[in-house]
């Protein structure tokens, strides 16, 4: 059974930093694409970052240059380093693991950025 458990969310002032972690279990990890998504109240879930097994990354313009995704395959963990945070980054952040045609999700971790 695949499980993803996020941690590291919280309340931070604008301009601050946070690092999110997501630990996977119940599956191989290194060969799959991992990612982070977020969902703000009243909005659709949106892509924040993806990282392929080959090391390619993808970020939307809204976070490019401020967020960095990385992974530790030995620990089966993916990270999201967030800096220069803005109030509009406030959302629930979800970890994603894409295995074949199936997307697995964590339970989400709240990130709140105060102005």
PDB file of N, CA and C in Angstrom:
ATOM      1  N   UNK A   1       0.843  -1.188   0.000  1.00  0.00           N
ATOM      2  CA  UNK A   1       0.000   0.000   0.000  1.00  0.00           C
ATOM      3  C   UNK A   1       0.888   1.252   0.000  1.00  0.00           C
ATOM      4  N   UNK A   2       0.674   2.089  -0.985  1.00  0.00           N
ATOM      5  CA  UNK A   2       1.476   3.298  -1.103  1.00  0.00           C
ATOM      6  C   UNK A   2       0.968   4.346  -0.119  1.00  0.00           C
ATOM      7  N   UNK A   3       1.896   4.911   0.630  1.00  0.00           N
ATOM      8  CA  UNK A   3       1.550   6.001   1.544  1.00  0.00           C
ATOM      9  C   UNK A   3       2.531   7.141   1.389  1.00  0.00           C
ATOM     10  N   UNK A   4       1.999   8.345   1.424  1.00  0.00           N
ATOM     11  CA  UNK A   4       2.808   9.551   1.383  1.00  0.00           C
ATOM     12  C   UNK A   4       2.436  10.397   2.592  1.00  0.00           C
ATOM     13  N   UNK A   5       3.438  10.806   3.347  1.00  0.00           N
ATOM     14  CA  UNK A   5       3.189  11.583   4.557  1.00  0.00           C
ATOM     15  C   UNK A   5       3.994  12.869   4.496  1.00  0.00           C
ATOM     16  N   UNK A   6       3.260  13.995   4.454  1.00  0.00           N
ATOM     17  CA  UNK A   6       3.913  15.299   4.397  1.00  0.00           C
ATOM     18  C   UNK A   6       4.153  15.845   5.798  1.00  0.00           C
ATOM     19  N   UNK A   7       5.131  16.728   5.884  1.00  0.00           N
ATOM     20  CA  UNK A   7       5.394  17.454   7.124  1.00  0.00           C
ATOM     21  C   UNK A   7       6.098  18.755   6.777  1.00  0.00           C
ATOM     22  N   UNK A   8       6.132  19.662   7.754  1.00  0.00           N
ATOM     23  CA  UNK A   8       6.894  20.888   7.569  1.00  0.00           C
ATOM     24  C   UNK A   8       6.086  22.133   7.321  1.00  0.00           C
ATOM     25  N   UNK A   9       4.775  22.009   7.200  1.00  0.00           N
ATOM     26  CA  UNK A   9       3.964  23.196   6.995  1.00  0.00           C
ATOM     27  C   UNK A   9       3.886  24.033   8.252  1.00  0.00           C
ATOM     28  N   UNK A  10       3.266  25.209   8.123  1.00  0.00           N
ATOM     29  CA  UNK A  10       3.115  26.073   9.280  1.00  0.00           C
ATOM     30  C   UNK A  10       2.821  27.497   8.888  1.00  0.00           C
ATOM     31  N   UNK A  11       2.974  28.370   9.860  1.00  0.00           N
ATOM     32  CA  UNK A  11       2.722  29.801   9.672  1.00  0.00           C
ATOM     33  C   UNK A  11       4.053  30.530   9.562  1.00  0.00           C
ATOM     34  N   UNK A  12       4.178  31.364   8.541  1.00  0.00           N
ATOM     35  CA  UNK A  12       5.422  32.103   8.334  1.00  0.00           C
ATOM     36  C   UNK A  12       5.072  33.499   7.824  1.00  0.00           C
ATOM     37  N   UNK A  13       5.916  34.451   8.133  1.00  0.00           N
ATOM     38  CA  UNK A  13       5.709  35.808   7.637  1.00  0.00           C
ATOM     39  C   UNK A  13       6.159  35.915   6.181  1.00  0.00           C
ATOM     40  N   UNK A  14       5.573  36.865   5.487  1.00  0.00           N
ATOM     41  CA  UNK A  14       5.972  37.111   4.109  1.00  0.00           C
ATOM     42  C   UNK A  14       7.474  37.367   4.046  1.00  0.00           C
ATOM     43  N   UNK A  15       8.112  36.767   3.047  1.00  0.00           N
ATOM     44  CA  UNK A  15       9.544  36.876   2.909  1.00  0.00           C
ATOM     45  C   UNK A  15      10.312  35.757   3.569  1.00  0.00           C
ATOM     46  N   UNK A  16       9.608  34.956   4.359  1.00  0.00           N
ATOM     47  CA  UNK A  16      10.246  33.869   5.071  1.00  0.00           C
ATOM     48  C   UNK A  16      10.387  32.608   4.241  1.00  0.00           C
ATOM     49  N   UNK A  17      10.865  31.557   4.910  1.00  0.00           N
ATOM     50  CA  UNK A  17      11.126  30.284   4.231  1.00  0.00           C
ATOM     51  C   UNK A  17      10.533  29.128   5.012  1.00  0.00           C
ATOM     52  N   UNK A  18      10.230  28.077   4.297  1.00  0.00           N
ATOM     53  CA  UNK A  18       9.796  26.816   4.886  1.00  0.00           C
ATOM     54  C   UNK A  18      10.305  25.681   4.016  1.00  0.00           C
ATOM     55  N   UNK A  19      10.506  24.520   4.628  1.00  0.00           N
ATOM     56  CA  UNK A  19      10.833  23.329   3.860  1.00  0.00           C
ATOM     57  C   UNK A  19       9.823  22.243   4.175  1.00  0.00           C
ATOM     58  N   UNK A  20       9.191  21.775   3.138  1.00  0.00           N
ATOM     59  CA  UNK A  20       8.250  20.672   3.265  1.00  0.00           C
ATOM     60  C   UNK A  20       8.952  19.357   2.943  1.00  0.00           C
ATOM     61  N   UNK A  21       8.520  18.313   3.624  1.00  0.00           N
ATOM     62  CA  UNK A  21       9.043  16.981   3.370  1.00  0.00           C
ATOM     63  C   UNK A  21       7.889  16.031   3.106  1.00  0.00           C
ATOM     64  N   UNK A  22       8.166  15.010   2.327  1.00  0.00           N
ATOM     65  CA  UNK A  22       7.162  13.991   2.041  1.00  0.00           C
ATOM     66  C   UNK A  22       7.860  12.645   1.986  1.00  0.00           C
ATOM     67  N   UNK A  23       7.501  11.774   2.919  1.00  0.00           N
ATOM     68  CA  UNK A  23       8.095  10.455   2.988  1.00  0.00           C
ATOM     69  C   UNK A  23       7.165   9.421   2.376  1.00  0.00           C
ATOM     70  N   UNK A  24       7.707   8.622   1.479  1.00  0.00           N
ATOM     71  CA  UNK A  24       6.922   7.591   0.805  1.00  0.00           C
ATOM     72  C   UNK A  24       7.216   6.228   1.404  1.00  0.00           C
ATOM     73  N   UNK A  25       6.226   5.358   1.373  1.00  0.00           N
ATOM     74  CA  UNK A  25       6.400   3.975   1.805  1.00  0.00           C
ATOM     75  C   UNK A  25       5.501   3.082   0.968  1.00  0.00           C
ATOM     76  N   UNK A  26       5.842   1.794   0.952  1.00  0.00           N
ATOM     77  CA  UNK A  26       5.014   0.825   0.251  1.00  0.00           C
ATOM     78  C   UNK A  26       5.252   0.734  -1.238  1.00  0.00           C
ATOM     79  N   UNK A  27       6.314   1.364  -1.724  1.00  0.00           N
ATOM     80  CA  UNK A  27       6.568   1.338  -3.155  1.00  0.00           C
ATOM     81  C   UNK A  27       8.020   1.660  -3.421  1.00  0.00           C
ATOM     82  N   UNK A  28       8.467   1.296  -4.623  1.00  0.00           N
ATOM     83  CA  UNK A  28       9.732   1.827  -5.095  1.00  0.00           C
ATOM     84  C   UNK A  28       9.571   3.334  -5.243  1.00  0.00           C
ATOM     85  N   UNK A  29      10.693   4.027  -5.236  1.00  0.00           N
ATOM     86  CA  UNK A  29      10.578   5.491  -5.231  1.00  0.00           C
ATOM     87  C   UNK A  29      11.417   6.141  -6.323  1.00  0.00           C
ATOM     88  N   UNK A  30      12.625   5.679  -6.471  1.00  0.00           N
ATOM     89  CA  UNK A  30      13.599   6.395  -7.293  1.00  0.00           C
ATOM     90  C   UNK A  30      13.233   6.448  -8.774  1.00  0.00           C
ATOM     91  N   UNK A  31      12.401   5.532  -9.245  1.00  0.00           N
ATOM     92  CA  UNK A  31      12.140   5.460 -10.678  1.00  0.00           C
ATOM     93  C   UNK A  31      10.919   6.269 -11.106  1.00  0.00           C
ATOM     94  N   UNK A  32      10.245   6.901 -10.136  1.00  0.00           N
ATOM     95  CA  UNK A  32       9.017   7.605 -10.461  1.00  0.00           C
ATOM     96  C   UNK A  32       9.145   9.115 -10.318  1.00  0.00           C
ATOM     97  N   UNK A  33       8.279   9.804 -11.028  1.00  0.00           N
ATOM     98  CA  UNK A  33       8.216  11.252 -10.922  1.00  0.00           C
ATOM     99  C   UNK A  33       7.492  11.651  -9.641  1.00  0.00           C
ATOM    100  N   UNK A  34       8.073  12.623  -8.944  1.00  0.00           N
ATOM    101  CA  UNK A  34       7.450  13.137  -7.733  1.00  0.00           C
ATOM    102  C   UNK A  34       7.090  14.604  -7.953  1.00  0.00           C
ATOM    103  N   UNK A  35       6.202  15.089  -7.107  1.00  0.00           N
ATOM    104  CA  UNK A  35       5.805  16.470  -7.279  1.00  0.00           C
ATOM    105  C   UNK A  35       5.102  17.041  -6.072  1.00  0.00           C
ATOM    106  N   UNK A  36       4.918  18.341  -6.119  1.00  0.00           N
ATOM    107  CA  UNK A  36       4.153  19.070  -5.121  1.00  0.00           C
ATOM    108  C   UNK A  36       3.075  19.879  -5.829  1.00  0.00           C
ATOM    109  N   UNK A  37       1.900  19.880  -5.230  1.00  0.00           N
ATOM    110  CA  UNK A  37       0.766  20.669  -5.709  1.00  0.00           C
ATOM    111  C   UNK A  37       0.204  21.431  -4.521  1.00  0.00           C
ATOM    112  N   UNK A  38      -0.611  22.416  -4.815  1.00  0.00           N
ATOM    113  CA  UNK A  38      -1.247  23.158  -3.726  1.00  0.00           C
ATOM    114  C   UNK A  38      -2.673  23.527  -4.098  1.00  0.00           C
ATOM    115  N   UNK A  39      -3.461  23.736  -3.056  1.00  0.00           N
ATOM    116  CA  UNK A  39      -4.849  24.134  -3.263  1.00  0.00           C
ATOM    117  C   UNK A  39      -5.221  25.172  -2.228  1.00  0.00           C
ATOM    118  N   UNK A  40      -5.549  26.352  -2.729  1.00  0.00           N
ATOM    119  CA  UNK A  40      -6.009  27.434  -1.866  1.00  0.00           C
ATOM    120  C   UNK A  40      -7.533  27.374  -1.756  1.00  0.00           C
ATOM    121  N   UNK A  41      -8.105  27.946  -0.712  1.00  0.00           N
ATOM    122  CA  UNK A  41      -9.567  27.918  -0.548  1.00  0.00           C
ATOM    123  C   UNK A  41     -10.287  28.485  -1.763  1.00  0.00           C
ATOM    124  N   UNK A  42     -11.241  27.737  -2.265  1.00  0.00           N
ATOM    125  CA  UNK A  42     -12.033  28.191  -3.389  1.00  0.00           C
ATOM    126  C   UNK A  42     -11.345  28.079  -4.741  1.00  0.00           C
ATOM    127  N   UNK A  43     -10.157  27.489  -4.765  1.00  0.00           N
ATOM    128  CA  UNK A  43      -9.421  27.374  -6.022  1.00  0.00           C
ATOM    129  C   UNK A  43      -9.127  25.914  -6.336  1.00  0.00           C
ATOM    130  N   UNK A  44      -8.783  25.671  -7.587  1.00  0.00           N
ATOM    131  CA  UNK A  44      -8.418  24.329  -7.995  1.00  0.00           C
ATOM    132  C   UNK A  44      -6.992  24.001  -7.556  1.00  0.00           C
ATOM    133  N   UNK A  45      -6.731  22.718  -7.426  1.00  0.00           N
ATOM    134  CA  UNK A  45      -5.378  22.286  -7.114  1.00  0.00           C
ATOM    135  C   UNK A  45      -4.465  22.636  -8.293  1.00  0.00           C
ATOM    136  N   UNK A  46      -3.291  23.155  -7.986  1.00  0.00           N
ATOM    137  CA  UNK A  46      -2.370  23.571  -9.036  1.00  0.00           C
ATOM    138  C   UNK A  46      -0.978  23.007  -8.801  1.00  0.00           C
ATOM    139  N   UNK A  47      -0.261  22.857  -9.895  1.00  0.00           N
ATOM    140  CA  UNK A  47       1.107  22.353  -9.849  1.00  0.00           C
ATOM    141  C   UNK A  47       2.026  23.380  -9.191  1.00  0.00           C
ATOM    142  N   UNK A  48       2.919  22.877  -8.344  1.00  0.00           N
ATOM    143  CA  UNK A  48       3.956  23.723  -7.742  1.00  0.00           C
ATOM    144  C   UNK A  48       5.329  23.322  -8.270  1.00  0.00           C
ATOM    145  N   UNK A  49       5.594  22.023  -8.338  1.00  0.00           N
ATOM    146  CA  UNK A  49       6.891  21.562  -8.825  1.00  0.00           C
ATOM    147  C   UNK A  49       6.828  20.072  -9.108  1.00  0.00           C
ATOM    148  N   UNK A  50       7.581  19.637 -10.105  1.00  0.00           N
ATOM    149  CA  UNK A  50       7.754  18.212 -10.350  1.00  0.00           C
ATOM    150  C   UNK A  50       9.230  17.908 -10.547  1.00  0.00           C
ATOM    151  N   UNK A  51       9.581  16.664 -10.246  1.00  0.00           N
ATOM    152  CA  UNK A  51      10.962  16.209 -10.370  1.00  0.00           C
ATOM    153  C   UNK A  51      10.931  14.780 -10.880  1.00  0.00           C
ATOM    154  N   UNK A  52      11.526  14.567 -12.044  1.00  0.00           N
ATOM    155  CA  UNK A  52      11.523  13.230 -12.622  1.00  0.00           C
ATOM    156  C   UNK A  52      12.650  12.383 -12.037  1.00  0.00           C
ATOM    157  N   UNK A  53      12.613  11.101 -12.338  1.00  0.00           N
ATOM    158  CA  UNK A  53      13.672  10.208 -11.869  1.00  0.00           C
ATOM    159  C   UNK A  53      15.015  10.592 -12.475  1.00  0.00           C
ATOM    160  N   UNK A  54      14.983  11.233 -13.631  1.00  0.00           N
ATOM    161  CA  UNK A  54      16.226  11.652 -14.274  1.00  0.00           C
ATOM    162  C   UNK A  54      16.743  12.997 -13.813  1.00  0.00           C
ATOM    163  N   UNK A  55      15.979  13.645 -12.939  1.00  0.00           N
ATOM    164  CA  UNK A  55      16.439  14.908 -12.373  1.00  0.00           C
ATOM    165  C   UNK A  55      15.886  16.152 -13.037  1.00  0.00           C
ATOM    166  N   UNK A  56      14.987  15.997 -13.993  1.00  0.00           N
ATOM    167  CA  UNK A  56      14.383  17.171 -14.631  1.00  0.00           C
ATOM    168  C   UNK A  56      13.319  17.771 -13.737  1.00  0.00           C
ATOM    169  N   UNK A  57      13.305  19.083 -13.672  1.00  0.00           N
ATOM    170  CA  UNK A  57      12.341  19.788 -12.840  1.00  0.00           C
ATOM    171  C   UNK A  57      11.431  20.669 -13.687  1.00  0.00           C
ATOM    172  N   UNK A  58      10.277  20.958 -13.110  1.00  0.00           N
ATOM    173  CA  UNK A  58       9.330  21.843 -13.770  1.00  0.00           C
ATOM    174  C   UNK A  58       8.642  22.681 -12.706  1.00  0.00           C
ATOM    175  N   UNK A  59       8.587  23.982 -12.940  1.00  0.00           N
ATOM    176  CA  UNK A  59       7.946  24.917 -12.014  1.00  0.00           C
ATOM    177  C   UNK A  59       7.071  25.883 -12.806  1.00  0.00           C
ATOM    178  N   UNK A  60       5.936  26.271 -12.268  1.00  0.00           N
ATOM    179  CA  UNK A  60       5.186  27.361 -12.905  1.00  0.00           C
ATOM    180  C   UNK A  60       5.888  28.678 -12.621  1.00  0.00           C
ATOM    181  N   UNK A  61       5.571  29.678 -13.418  1.00  0.00           N
ATOM    182  CA  UNK A  61       6.214  30.979 -13.260  1.00  0.00           C
ATOM    183  C   UNK A  61       5.975  31.580 -11.868  1.00  0.00           C
ATOM    184  N   UNK A  62       4.852  31.234 -11.256  1.00  0.00           N
ATOM    185  CA  UNK A  62       4.493  31.824  -9.973  1.00  0.00           C
ATOM    186  C   UNK A  62       5.468  31.471  -8.853  1.00  0.00           C
ATOM    187  N   UNK A  63       6.192  30.359  -8.994  1.00  0.00           N
ATOM    188  CA  UNK A  63       7.125  29.951  -7.928  1.00  0.00           C
ATOM    189  C   UNK A  63       8.558  29.819  -8.423  1.00  0.00           C
ATOM    190  N   UNK A  64       8.765  29.944  -9.716  1.00  0.00           N
ATOM    191  CA  UNK A  64      10.101  29.755 -10.285  1.00  0.00           C
ATOM    192  C   UNK A  64      11.074  30.747  -9.654  1.00  0.00           C
ATOM    193  N   UNK A  65      12.221  30.233  -9.247  1.00  0.00           N
ATOM    194  CA  UNK A  65      13.229  31.068  -8.622  1.00  0.00           C
ATOM    195  C   UNK A  65      13.067  31.207  -7.110  1.00  0.00           C
ATOM    196  N   UNK A  66      11.914  30.792  -6.594  1.00  0.00           N
ATOM    197  CA  UNK A  66      11.669  30.875  -5.147  1.00  0.00           C
ATOM    198  C   UNK A  66      11.563  29.484  -4.512  1.00  0.00           C
ATOM    199  N   UNK A  67      11.058  28.528  -5.250  1.00  0.00           N
ATOM    200  CA  UNK A  67      10.859  27.179  -4.729  1.00  0.00           C
ATOM    201  C   UNK A  67      11.837  26.222  -5.404  1.00  0.00           C
ATOM    202  N   UNK A  68      12.278  25.216  -4.644  1.00  0.00           N
ATOM    203  CA  UNK A  68      13.170  24.193  -5.182  1.00  0.00           C
ATOM    204  C   UNK A  68      12.716  22.821  -4.710  1.00  0.00           C
ATOM    205  N   UNK A  69      12.517  21.928  -5.656  1.00  0.00           N
ATOM    206  CA  UNK A  69      12.163  20.552  -5.329  1.00  0.00           C
ATOM    207  C   UNK A  69      13.414  19.686  -5.391  1.00  0.00           C
ATOM    208  N   UNK A  70      13.503  18.750  -4.456  1.00  0.00           N
ATOM    209  CA  UNK A  70      14.631  17.830  -4.441  1.00  0.00           C
ATOM    210  C   UNK A  70      14.163  16.506  -3.847  1.00  0.00           C
ATOM    211  N   UNK A  71      15.002  15.491  -3.958  1.00  0.00           N
ATOM    212  CA  UNK A  71      14.619  14.194  -3.448  1.00  0.00           C
ATOM    213  C   UNK A  71      15.825  13.465  -2.898  1.00  0.00           C
ATOM    214  N   UNK A  72      15.576  12.585  -1.938  1.00  0.00           N
ATOM    215  CA  UNK A  72      16.583  11.686  -1.390  1.00  0.00           C
ATOM    216  C   UNK A  72      16.038  10.283  -1.611  1.00  0.00           C
ATOM    217  N   UNK A  73      16.529   9.613  -2.631  1.00  0.00           N
ATOM    218  CA  UNK A  73      15.976   8.306  -2.982  1.00  0.00           C
ATOM    219  C   UNK A  73      16.234   7.264  -1.895  1.00  0.00           C
ATOM    220  N   UNK A  74      17.340   7.383  -1.208  1.00  0.00           N
ATOM    221  CA  UNK A  74      17.644   6.426  -0.143  1.00  0.00           C
ATOM    222  C   UNK A  74      16.631   6.523   0.988  1.00  0.00           C
ATOM    223  N   UNK A  75      16.140   7.726   1.222  1.00  0.00           N
ATOM    224  CA  UNK A  75      15.149   7.938   2.277  1.00  0.00           C
ATOM    225  C   UNK A  75      13.721   7.923   1.738  1.00  0.00           C
ATOM    226  N   UNK A  76      13.589   7.772   0.429  1.00  0.00           N
ATOM    227  CA  UNK A  76      12.270   7.806  -0.209  1.00  0.00           C
ATOM    228  C   UNK A  76      11.516   9.078   0.197  1.00  0.00           C
ATOM    229  N   UNK A  77      12.200  10.183   0.119  1.00  0.00           N
ATOM    230  CA  UNK A  77      11.641  11.447   0.563  1.00  0.00           C
ATOM    231  C   UNK A  77      11.837  12.524  -0.499  1.00  0.00           C
ATOM    232  N   UNK A  78      10.808  13.320  -0.698  1.00  0.00           N
ATOM    233  CA  UNK A  78      10.891  14.468  -1.590  1.00  0.00           C
ATOM    234  C   UNK A  78      10.698  15.725  -0.750  1.00  0.00           C
ATOM    235  N   UNK A  79      11.417  16.769  -1.119  1.00  0.00           N
ATOM    236  CA  UNK A  79      11.407  18.012  -0.366  1.00  0.00           C
ATOM    237  C   UNK A  79      10.947  19.168  -1.255  1.00  0.00           C
ATOM    238  N   UNK A  80      10.421  20.175  -0.608  1.00  0.00           N
ATOM    239  CA  UNK A  80      10.122  21.424  -1.293  1.00  0.00           C
ATOM    240  C   UNK A  80      10.647  22.561  -0.429  1.00  0.00           C
ATOM    241  N   UNK A  81      11.720  23.177  -0.888  1.00  0.00           N
ATOM    242  CA  UNK A  81      12.271  24.332  -0.196  1.00  0.00           C
ATOM    243  C   UNK A  81      11.600  25.574  -0.760  1.00  0.00           C
ATOM    244  N   UNK A  82      10.946  26.327   0.117  1.00  0.00           N
ATOM    245  CA  UNK A  82      10.218  27.516  -0.298  1.00  0.00           C
ATOM    246  C   UNK A  82      10.843  28.740   0.348  1.00  0.00           C
ATOM    247  N   UNK A  83      11.174  29.723  -0.434  1.00  0.00           N
ATOM    248  CA  UNK A  83      11.750  30.947   0.091  1.00  0.00           C
ATOM    249  C   UNK A  83      11.013  32.149  -0.500  1.00  0.00           C
ATOM    250  N   UNK A  84      11.290  33.315   0.055  1.00  0.00           N
ATOM    251  CA  UNK A  84      10.616  34.544  -0.375  1.00  0.00           C
ATOM    252  C   UNK A  84       9.113  34.335  -0.464  1.00  0.00           C
ATOM    253  N   UNK A  85       8.570  33.723   0.556  1.00  0.00           N
ATOM    254  CA  UNK A  85       7.153  33.371   0.540  1.00  0.00           C
ATOM    255  C   UNK A  85       6.271  34.608   0.520  1.00  0.00           C
ATOM    256  N   UNK A  86       5.147  34.462  -0.170  1.00  0.00           N
ATOM    257  CA  UNK A  86       4.184  35.544  -0.330  1.00  0.00           C
ATOM    258  C   UNK A  86       2.831  35.100   0.233  1.00  0.00           C
ATOM    259  N   UNK A  87       1.991  36.040   0.620  1.00  0.00           N
ATOM    260  CA  UNK A  87       0.662  35.651   1.117  1.00  0.00           C
ATOM    261  C   UNK A  87      -0.114  34.786   0.119  1.00  0.00           C
ATOM    262  N   UNK A  88       0.103  35.013  -1.162  1.00  0.00           N
ATOM    263  CA  UNK A  88      -0.606  34.213  -2.167  1.00  0.00           C
ATOM    264  C   UNK A  88      -0.090  32.777  -2.260  1.00  0.00           C
ATOM    265  N   UNK A  89       0.961  32.445  -1.536  1.00  0.00           N
ATOM    266  CA  UNK A  89       1.426  31.062  -1.461  1.00  0.00           C
ATOM    267  C   UNK A  89       0.643  30.272  -0.414  1.00  0.00           C
ATOM    268  N   UNK A  90      -0.220  30.941   0.329  1.00  0.00           N
ATOM    269  CA  UNK A  90      -1.018  30.261   1.341  1.00  0.00           C
ATOM    270  C   UNK A  90      -1.926  29.227   0.699  1.00  0.00           C
ATOM    271  N   UNK A  91      -1.820  27.990   1.178  1.00  0.00           N
ATOM    272  CA  UNK A  91      -2.590  26.877   0.603  1.00  0.00           C
ATOM    273  C   UNK A  91      -2.285  25.607   1.385  1.00  0.00           C
ATOM    274  N   UNK A  92      -3.036  24.568   1.080  1.00  0.00           N
ATOM    275  CA  UNK A  92      -2.665  23.228   1.523  1.00  0.00           C
ATOM    276  C   UNK A  92      -1.769  22.636   0.440  1.00  0.00           C
ATOM    277  N   UNK A  93      -0.631  22.152   0.841  1.00  0.00           N
ATOM    278  CA  UNK A  93       0.345  21.601  -0.093  1.00  0.00           C
ATOM    279  C   UNK A  93       0.297  20.080  -0.038  1.00  0.00           C
ATOM    280  N   UNK A  94       0.238  19.475  -1.235  1.00  0.00           N
ATOM    281  CA  UNK A  94       0.113  18.033  -1.347  1.00  0.00           C
ATOM    282  C   UNK A  94       1.311  17.456  -2.088  1.00  0.00           C
ATOM    283  N   UNK A  95       1.806  16.371  -1.564  1.00  0.00           N
ATOM    284  CA  UNK A  95       2.861  15.614  -2.218  1.00  0.00           C
ATOM    285  C   UNK A  95       2.222  14.642  -3.214  1.00  0.00           C
ATOM    286  N   UNK A  96       2.881  14.416  -4.321  1.00  0.00           N
ATOM    287  CA  UNK A  96       2.371  13.527  -5.363  1.00  0.00           C
ATOM    288  C   UNK A  96       3.460  12.567  -5.821  1.00  0.00           C
ATOM    289  N   UNK A  97       3.053  11.314  -6.032  1.00  0.00           N
ATOM    290  CA  UNK A  97       3.938  10.311  -6.623  1.00  0.00           C
ATOM    291  C   UNK A  97       3.192   9.681  -7.795  1.00  0.00           C
ATOM    292  N   UNK A  98       3.773   9.797  -8.981  1.00  0.00           N
ATOM    293  CA  UNK A  98       3.115   9.318 -10.190  1.00  0.00           C
ATOM    294  C   UNK A  98       3.693   7.958 -10.561  1.00  0.00           C
ATOM    295  N   UNK A  99       2.900   6.918 -10.391  1.00  0.00           N
ATOM    296  CA  UNK A  99       3.348   5.551 -10.654  1.00  0.00           C
ATOM    297  C   UNK A  99       2.531   4.993 -11.810  1.00  0.00           C
ATOM    298  N   UNK A 100       3.214   4.802 -12.948  1.00  0.00           N
ATOM    299  CA  UNK A 100       2.544   4.327 -14.161  1.00  0.00           C
ATOM    300  C   UNK A 100       1.427   5.312 -14.502  1.00  0.00           C
ATOM    301  N   UNK A 101       0.189   4.899 -14.389  1.00  0.00           N
ATOM    302  CA  UNK A 101      -0.931   5.784 -14.729  1.00  0.00           C
ATOM    303  C   UNK A 101      -1.689   6.257 -13.490  1.00  0.00           C
ATOM    304  N   UNK A 102      -1.139   5.979 -12.319  1.00  0.00           N
ATOM    305  CA  UNK A 102      -1.843   6.300 -11.076  1.00  0.00           C
ATOM    306  C   UNK A 102      -1.116   7.401 -10.317  1.00  0.00           C
ATOM    307  N   UNK A 103      -1.880   8.337  -9.810  1.00  0.00           N
ATOM    308  CA  UNK A 103      -1.351   9.391  -8.958  1.00  0.00           C
ATOM    309  C   UNK A 103      -1.690   9.084  -7.504  1.00  0.00           C
ATOM    310  N   UNK A 104      -0.669   9.110  -6.676  1.00  0.00           N
ATOM    311  CA  UNK A 104      -0.854   8.946  -5.245  1.00  0.00           C
ATOM    312  C   UNK A 104      -0.619  10.291  -4.571  1.00  0.00           C
ATOM    313  N   UNK A 105      -1.412  10.550  -3.519  1.00  0.00           N
ATOM    314  CA  UNK A 105      -1.360  11.843  -2.852  1.00  0.00           C
ATOM    315  C   UNK A 105      -1.176  11.672  -1.349  1.00  0.00           C
ATOM    316  N   UNK A 106      -0.496  12.634  -0.765  1.00  0.00           N
ATOM    317  CA  UNK A 106      -0.433  12.699   0.677  1.00  0.00           C
ATOM    318  C   UNK A 106      -1.674  13.372   1.223  1.00  0.00           C
ATOM    319  N   UNK A 107      -1.710  13.519   2.537  1.00  0.00           N
ATOM    320  CA  UNK A 107      -2.892  14.079   3.183  1.00  0.00           C
ATOM    321  C   UNK A 107      -2.904  15.605   3.148  1.00  0.00           C
ATOM    322  N   UNK A 108      -1.788  16.193   2.804  1.00  0.00           N
ATOM    323  CA  UNK A 108      -1.697  17.643   2.721  1.00  0.00           C
ATOM    324  C   UNK A 108      -1.139  18.266   3.984  1.00  0.00           C
ATOM    325  N   UNK A 109      -0.450  19.379   3.812  1.00  0.00           N
ATOM    326  CA  UNK A 109       0.074  20.143   4.940  1.00  0.00           C
ATOM    327  C   UNK A 109      -0.203  21.632   4.675  1.00  0.00           C
ATOM    328  N   UNK A 110      -0.703  22.303   5.689  1.00  0.00           N
ATOM    329  CA  UNK A 110      -1.101  23.699   5.536  1.00  0.00           C
ATOM    330  C   UNK A 110       0.107  24.622   5.604  1.00  0.00           C
ATOM    331  N   UNK A 111       0.179  25.524   4.651  1.00  0.00           N
ATOM    332  CA  UNK A 111       1.170  26.600   4.666  1.00  0.00           C
ATOM    333  C   UNK A 111       0.410  27.920   4.667  1.00  0.00           C
ATOM    334  N   UNK A 112       0.667  28.736   5.663  1.00  0.00           N
ATOM    335  CA  UNK A 112       0.015  30.030   5.777  1.00  0.00           C
ATOM    336  C   UNK A 112       1.086  31.114   5.839  1.00  0.00           C
ATOM    337  N   UNK A 113       0.988  32.074   4.929  1.00  0.00           N
ATOM    338  CA  UNK A 113       1.953  33.164   4.868  1.00  0.00           C
ATOM    339  C   UNK A 113       1.232  34.460   5.237  1.00  0.00           C
ATOM    340  N   UNK A 114       1.674  35.073   6.309  1.00  0.00           N
ATOM    341  CA  UNK A 114       1.044  36.306   6.770  1.00  0.00           C
ATOM    342  C   UNK A 114       1.748  37.519   6.187  1.00  0.00           C
ATOM    343  N   UNK A 115       0.972  38.559   5.959  1.00  0.00           N
ATOM    344  CA  UNK A 115       1.547  39.777   5.356  1.00  0.00           C
ATOM    345  C   UNK A 115       2.051  40.742   6.414  1.00  0.00           C
TER     346      UNK A 115
END
